[in-house]
Amino acid sequence: MMTQKCPLCLDMSSTFYKTEKQHFYLCKNCKGIFLDKDSLLDKNEEKERYYLHQNHINDLGYIKFADPIISAIKYFFDSTHQGLDFGAGHTPVISEVLKRDDFQVEIYDPLFFNNMKVLDIKYDFISSCEVIEHFYDPKKEFELLYNMLKPNGKLICMTDIFNGTNFDTWYYMTDPTHVFFYQKETFEWIKNNFNFKDVTINNRLIIFTK
């Protein structure tokens, strides 16, 4: 059985699922599932894949899909609060929807909006829609996200959570840019080890409170 260091908790992890084309490891410590590092796309390949996403501000289907994040932000915050759309992609739909209601939202994406200055600001909320499964280095990314939040700030994420069954038929792992998967125990591990006060999970919506 092959082993590899978990990119979230740094424990050694063993083979979970392997075919000729894919090799995933399961960490027994944080319960994260991650793609073998030798299978990660380079940045140009990753960027080309993201251009296949046709999300745009008038795409009512995508806005409906992202509504759990948008609704959570509007429930907890108002236009006096400062937010960040982290991993906004080539078309930052969530921030544009919120700006229609006068929300203050910066945007950041390492491939499309790589403005490092916005990473030096403290935010009341950070949204991250279908992003955290793309993290090559989740330890580094969650440390960054935690440090960018103000006290009592919220990190509001969406991702599909692995429920422990039928990984081989799970659609989510067929996307080559999906490299780190979470179980409910993984989010509890993140809460405890990155010093968040709380985490709530509602289907695909995950909310951490600093």
Protein backbone atom coordinates (compact mmCIF):
# COMPACT_ATOMS: atom_id res chain seq x y z
CA MET A 1 0.00 0.00 0.00
CA MET A 2 1.36 3.42 -0.96
CA THR A 3 1.48 6.39 1.37
CA GLN A 4 1.66 10.16 0.98
CA LYS A 5 1.62 13.12 3.34
CA CYS A 6 -1.79 14.73 3.79
CA PRO A 7 -1.69 18.34 2.51
CA LEU A 8 -4.13 19.43 5.23
CA CYS A 9 -2.90 17.88 8.48
CA LEU A 10 0.50 16.56 7.28
CA ASP A 11 -0.10 13.03 8.59
CA MET A 12 0.93 10.12 6.42
CA SER A 13 -2.04 8.77 4.49
CA SER A 14 -2.59 5.54 2.60
CA THR A 15 -4.19 4.55 -0.69
CA PHE A 16 -7.98 4.89 -0.69
CA TYR A 17 -8.89 4.50 -4.36
CA LYS A 18 -6.67 3.65 -7.30
CA THR A 19 -7.18 3.01 -11.01
CA GLU A 20 -4.86 3.35 -13.96
CA LYS A 21 -5.77 7.04 -14.22
CA GLN A 22 -6.47 8.09 -10.63
CA HIS A 23 -4.92 7.59 -7.24
CA PHE A 24 -6.53 9.03 -4.09
CA TYR A 25 -5.35 8.81 -0.49
CA LEU A 26 -7.41 8.86 2.70
CA CYS A 27 -6.05 10.53 5.82
CA LYS A 28 -7.09 8.67 8.97
CA ASN A 29 -6.37 11.76 11.06
CA CYS A 30 -8.43 14.53 9.40
CA LYS A 31 -10.46 12.20 7.12
CA GLY A 32 -9.52 14.22 4.05
CA ILE A 33 -9.29 12.47 0.68
CA PHE A 34 -6.76 13.81 -1.77
CA LEU A 35 -5.33 13.21 -5.22
CA ASP A 36 -1.77 11.96 -5.63
CA LYS A 37 0.54 14.95 -6.00
CA ASP A 38 1.97 13.57 -9.25
CA SER A 39 -1.48 13.82 -10.84
CA LEU A 40 -2.04 17.52 -10.11
CA LEU A 41 -2.53 19.70 -13.18
CA ASP A 42 -0.08 22.52 -13.81
CA LYS A 43 -1.45 26.06 -13.64
CA ASN A 44 -1.99 26.41 -17.39
CA GLU A 45 -3.90 23.13 -17.59
CA GLU A 46 -5.95 24.13 -14.55
CA LYS A 47 -6.76 27.53 -16.03
CA GLU A 48 -7.88 26.00 -19.34
CA ARG A 49 -10.21 23.69 -17.47
CA TYR A 50 -11.78 26.61 -15.57
CA TYR A 51 -12.53 28.43 -18.82
CA LEU A 52 -14.98 25.61 -19.55
CA HIS A 53 -17.12 27.01 -16.71
CA GLN A 54 -19.63 29.32 -18.36
CA ASN A 55 -20.91 31.11 -15.25
CA HIS A 56 -21.91 34.74 -15.77
CA ILE A 57 -23.89 37.42 -13.99
CA ASN A 58 -27.07 36.75 -16.01
CA ASP A 59 -26.93 32.98 -15.57
CA LEU A 60 -30.00 32.47 -13.40
CA GLY A 61 -29.20 28.78 -13.01
CA TYR A 62 -25.80 29.47 -11.50
CA ILE A 63 -27.16 32.25 -9.30
CA LYS A 64 -29.74 29.80 -7.98
CA PHE A 65 -26.98 27.23 -7.40
CA ALA A 66 -24.91 29.80 -5.45
CA ASP A 67 -27.94 31.12 -3.55
CA PRO A 68 -27.14 29.28 -0.28
CA ILE A 69 -23.97 31.38 0.03
CA ILE A 70 -25.63 34.60 -1.11
CA SER A 71 -28.57 34.08 1.27
CA ALA A 72 -26.27 33.27 4.21
CA ILE A 73 -24.28 36.46 3.63
CA LYS A 74 -27.45 38.54 3.47
CA TYR A 75 -28.74 36.86 6.65
CA PHE A 76 -25.65 37.51 8.74
CA PHE A 77 -24.35 40.74 7.19
CA ASP A 78 -25.36 43.98 5.51
CA SER A 79 -23.83 46.65 3.33
CA THR A 80 -21.81 48.07 6.23
CA HIS A 81 -19.68 44.91 6.33
CA GLN A 82 -16.64 44.14 4.22
CA GLY A 83 -16.45 40.85 2.30
CA LEU A 84 -14.17 38.90 0.00
CA ASP A 85 -15.11 36.50 -2.80
CA PHE A 86 -12.18 34.08 -2.55
CA GLY A 87 -11.64 31.95 -5.64
CA ALA A 88 -14.01 34.02 -7.72
CA GLY A 89 -13.03 32.39 -11.02
CA HIS A 90 -12.94 34.26 -14.32
CA THR A 91 -16.45 35.66 -13.72
CA PRO A 92 -17.10 36.77 -10.12
CA VAL A 93 -20.85 36.19 -10.01
CA ILE A 94 -21.38 36.15 -6.22
CA SER A 95 -19.67 39.48 -5.66
CA GLU A 96 -21.58 41.08 -8.53
CA VAL A 97 -24.93 39.86 -7.16
CA LEU A 98 -24.07 41.22 -3.71
CA LYS A 99 -22.90 44.55 -5.12
CA ARG A 100 -26.37 45.04 -6.59
CA ASP A 101 -27.51 45.32 -2.96
CA ASP A 102 -24.64 47.69 -2.13
CA PHE A 103 -22.46 45.10 -0.39
CA GLN A 104 -18.74 45.84 -0.25
CA VAL A 105 -17.00 42.82 -1.75
CA GLU A 106 -13.42 42.45 -2.94
CA ILE A 107 -12.53 39.63 -5.33
CA TYR A 108 -9.55 37.31 -5.43
CA ASP A 109 -8.59 34.39 -7.61
CA PRO A 110 -5.01 33.11 -7.96
CA LEU A 111 -5.44 32.54 -11.71
CA PHE A 112 -7.80 35.31 -12.84
CA PHE A 113 -7.75 38.11 -10.23
CA ASN A 114 -4.41 37.70 -8.50
CA ASN A 115 -4.50 40.99 -6.59
CA MET A 116 -2.37 40.20 -3.55
CA LYS A 117 -3.30 43.50 -1.87
CA VAL A 118 -6.78 42.21 -1.01
CA LEU A 119 -5.18 39.42 1.02
CA ASP A 120 -3.85 41.99 3.49
CA ILE A 121 -7.34 43.20 4.47
CA LYS A 122 -9.44 41.89 7.38
CA TYR A 123 -12.97 40.88 6.40
CA ASP A 124 -16.31 40.37 8.11
CA PHE A 125 -17.09 37.54 5.71
CA ILE A 126 -15.35 35.50 3.06
CA SER A 127 -17.28 33.49 0.48
CA SER A 128 -15.74 30.51 -1.28
CA CYS A 129 -18.13 28.79 -3.68
CA GLU A 130 -16.97 25.47 -5.13
CA VAL A 131 -13.36 26.40 -4.37
CA ILE A 132 -12.00 24.45 -1.41
CA GLU A 133 -12.04 21.15 -3.33
CA HIS A 134 -9.47 22.76 -5.66
CA PHE A 135 -6.94 23.50 -2.91
CA TYR A 136 -3.53 21.97 -3.68
CA ASP A 137 -2.34 23.15 -0.26
CA PRO A 138 -5.40 23.27 2.02
CA LYS A 139 -3.31 23.82 5.16
CA LYS A 140 -1.88 27.02 3.73
CA GLU A 141 -5.22 28.16 2.33
CA PHE A 142 -7.23 27.65 5.53
CA GLU A 143 -4.52 29.41 7.54
CA LEU A 144 -4.79 32.35 5.13
CA LEU A 145 -8.59 32.41 5.25
CA TYR A 146 -8.66 32.27 9.04
CA ASN A 147 -6.14 35.11 9.33
CA MET A 148 -8.09 37.32 6.92
CA LEU A 149 -11.24 37.18 9.04
CA LYS A 150 -12.08 39.69 11.73
CA PRO A 151 -13.09 38.33 15.15
CA ASN A 152 -16.53 36.71 14.80
CA GLY A 153 -16.14 36.81 11.02
CA LYS A 154 -17.50 33.98 8.90
CA LEU A 155 -15.99 31.81 6.18
CA ILE A 156 -18.92 30.65 4.05
CA CYS A 157 -18.12 27.78 1.70
CA MET A 158 -19.88 25.44 -0.67
CA THR A 159 -18.57 22.05 -1.75
CA ASP A 160 -19.91 18.54 -2.16
CA ILE A 161 -19.14 16.46 0.93
CA PHE A 162 -18.18 12.81 0.62
CA ASN A 163 -20.66 10.73 2.61
CA GLY A 164 -18.55 7.58 2.87
CA THR A 165 -20.12 5.43 0.16
CA ASN A 166 -19.58 4.69 -3.53
CA PHE A 167 -16.52 6.83 -4.19
CA ASP A 168 -15.97 5.04 -7.50
CA THR A 169 -19.29 6.35 -8.88
CA TRP A 170 -19.18 9.79 -7.23
CA TYR A 171 -19.38 12.40 -10.00
CA TYR A 172 -17.36 14.93 -8.01
CA MET A 173 -14.09 13.05 -8.23
CA THR A 174 -14.15 12.86 -12.05
CA ASP A 175 -13.15 16.53 -12.42
CA PRO A 176 -9.31 16.64 -12.62
CA THR A 177 -9.27 20.00 -10.82
CA HIS A 178 -11.05 18.50 -7.79
CA VAL A 179 -8.06 17.42 -5.74
CA PHE A 180 -9.12 17.48 -2.06
CA PHE A 181 -12.40 16.16 -0.70
CA TYR A 182 -13.93 16.66 2.72
CA GLN A 183 -15.99 14.54 5.04
CA LYS A 184 -17.96 16.00 7.94
CA GLU A 185 -15.14 14.92 10.26
CA THR A 186 -12.69 16.92 8.13
CA PHE A 187 -14.58 20.14 8.79
CA GLU A 188 -14.59 19.41 12.52
CA TRP A 189 -10.84 18.85 12.32
CA ILE A 190 -10.41 22.20 10.54
CA LYS A 191 -12.53 23.97 13.15
CA ASN A 192 -10.50 22.54 16.01
CA ASN A 193 -7.06 22.91 14.49
CA PHE A 194 -7.42 26.35 12.92
CA ASN A 195 -9.13 27.73 16.04
CA PHE A 196 -12.53 28.51 14.57
CA LYS A 197 -15.18 28.86 17.26
CA ASP A 198 -17.84 26.99 15.36
CA VAL A 199 -18.71 25.19 12.13
CA THR A 200 -22.18 24.46 10.81
CA ILE A 201 -22.92 22.14 7.90
CA ASN A 202 -26.16 22.30 5.93
CA ASN A 203 -25.98 20.03 2.90
CA ARG A 204 -23.33 21.66 0.67
CA LEU A 205 -23.11 24.84 2.76
CA ILE A 206 -20.35 25.03 5.38
CA ILE A 207 -19.98 28.06 7.65
CA PHE A 208 -16.98 28.57 9.92
CA THR A 209 -17.07 31.29 12.58
CA LYS A 210 -13.86 32.80 13.89
